[in-house]
Amino acid sequence: MAKLEAALLRRADAEMHEHFAIAHATFQVETAALAGSCRLRPADVVESRMIVERITT
């Protein structure tokens, strides 16, 4: 799983650079359980699986 996570973060970083010219992106990664219990989470937050599907396709 760690290799997959590292590959996903490298891909996400490359996509941010390519599409938005962001040279150094910072990502917050959390589990669904932690995200669901966060009191600061906005109601319109995008689910992480949607982001992963978009990046990996």
C-alpha atoms as a PDB file:
ATOM      1  CA  MET A   1       0.000   0.000   0.000  1.00  0.00           C
ATOM      2  CA  ALA A   2       2.844   2.407   0.737  1.00  0.00           C
ATOM      3  CA  LYS A   3       4.140   2.096  -2.840  1.00  0.00           C
ATOM      4  CA  LEU A   4       0.671   2.868  -4.185  1.00  0.00           C
ATOM      5  CA  GLU A   5       0.342   5.882  -1.879  1.00  0.00           C
ATOM      6  CA  ALA A   6       3.768   7.181  -2.909  1.00  0.00           C
ATOM      7  CA  ALA A   7       2.937   6.711  -6.589  1.00  0.00           C
ATOM      8  CA  LEU A   8      -0.391   8.490  -6.131  1.00  0.00           C
ATOM      9  CA  LEU A   9       1.267  11.454  -4.420  1.00  0.00           C
ATOM     10  CA  ARG A  10       3.922  11.701  -7.152  1.00  0.00           C
ATOM     11  CA  ARG A  11       1.196  11.633  -9.806  1.00  0.00           C
ATOM     12  CA  ALA A  12      -0.899  14.217  -7.972  1.00  0.00           C
ATOM     13  CA  ASP A  13       2.136  16.477  -7.631  1.00  0.00           C
ATOM     14  CA  ALA A  14       2.915  16.132 -11.345  1.00  0.00           C
ATOM     15  CA  GLU A  15      -0.709  16.888 -12.269  1.00  0.00           C
ATOM     16  CA  MET A  16      -0.755  20.014 -10.088  1.00  0.00           C
ATOM     17  CA  HIS A  17       2.450  21.191 -11.743  1.00  0.00           C
ATOM     18  CA  GLU A  18       1.300  20.394 -15.274  1.00  0.00           C
ATOM     19  CA  HIS A  19      -2.220  21.801 -15.058  1.00  0.00           C
ATOM     20  CA  PHE A  20      -1.781  24.695 -12.625  1.00  0.00           C
ATOM     21  CA  ALA A  21       1.975  25.473 -12.682  1.00  0.00           C
ATOM     22  CA  ILE A  22       2.225  24.739  -8.955  1.00  0.00           C
ATOM     23  CA  ALA A  23       5.860  23.955  -8.277  1.00  0.00           C
ATOM     24  CA  HIS A  24       5.446  22.628  -4.728  1.00  0.00           C
ATOM     25  CA  ALA A  25       2.045  21.201  -3.814  1.00  0.00           C
ATOM     26  CA  THR A  26       1.054  20.198  -0.287  1.00  0.00           C
ATOM     27  CA  PHE A  27      -1.541  17.465   0.161  1.00  0.00           C
ATOM     28  CA  GLN A  28      -3.578  16.487   3.189  1.00  0.00           C
ATOM     29  CA  VAL A  29      -4.358  12.788   3.217  1.00  0.00           C
ATOM     30  CA  GLU A  30      -6.804  11.333   5.716  1.00  0.00           C
ATOM     31  CA  THR A  31      -8.985   8.285   6.061  1.00  0.00           C
ATOM     32  CA  ALA A  32     -12.711   8.478   5.360  1.00  0.00           C
ATOM     33  CA  ALA A  33     -13.432   7.885   9.049  1.00  0.00           C
ATOM     34  CA  LEU A  34     -11.245  10.786  10.140  1.00  0.00           C
ATOM     35  CA  ALA A  35     -12.546  13.077   7.410  1.00  0.00           C
ATOM     36  CA  GLY A  36     -16.153  12.319   8.305  1.00  0.00           C
ATOM     37  CA  SER A  37     -15.615  13.235  11.942  1.00  0.00           C
ATOM     38  CA  CYS A  38     -13.739  16.493  11.302  1.00  0.00           C
ATOM     39  CA  ARG A  39     -15.727  19.456  12.633  1.00  0.00           C
ATOM     40  CA  LEU A  40     -13.997  21.775  10.153  1.00  0.00           C
ATOM     41  CA  ARG A  41     -15.044  19.718   7.109  1.00  0.00           C
ATOM     42  CA  PRO A  42     -17.261  21.764   4.799  1.00  0.00           C
ATOM     43  CA  ALA A  43     -20.553  20.237   3.668  1.00  0.00           C
ATOM     44  CA  ASP A  44     -19.538  20.387  -0.001  1.00  0.00           C
ATOM     45  CA  VAL A  45     -16.187  18.572   0.372  1.00  0.00           C
ATOM     46  CA  VAL A  46     -15.198  16.283  -2.504  1.00  0.00           C
ATOM     47  CA  GLU A  47     -14.767  12.671  -1.484  1.00  0.00           C
ATOM     48  CA  SER A  48     -11.182  11.413  -1.793  1.00  0.00           C
ATOM     49  CA  ARG A  49     -12.139   8.385  -3.899  1.00  0.00           C
ATOM     50  CA  MET A  50     -13.407  10.744  -6.602  1.00  0.00           C
ATOM     51  CA  ILE A  51     -10.063  12.524  -6.641  1.00  0.00           C
ATOM     52  CA  VAL A  52      -8.147   9.231  -6.734  1.00  0.00           C
ATOM     53  CA  GLU A  53     -10.275   7.944  -9.607  1.00  0.00           C
ATOM     54  CA  ARG A  54      -9.664  11.117 -11.598  1.00  0.00           C
ATOM     55  CA  ILE A  55      -5.906  11.094 -10.997  1.00  0.00           C
ATOM     56  CA  THR A  56      -5.463   7.401 -11.751  1.00  0.00           C
ATOM     57  CA  THR A  57      -7.420   7.368 -15.003  1.00  0.00           C
END
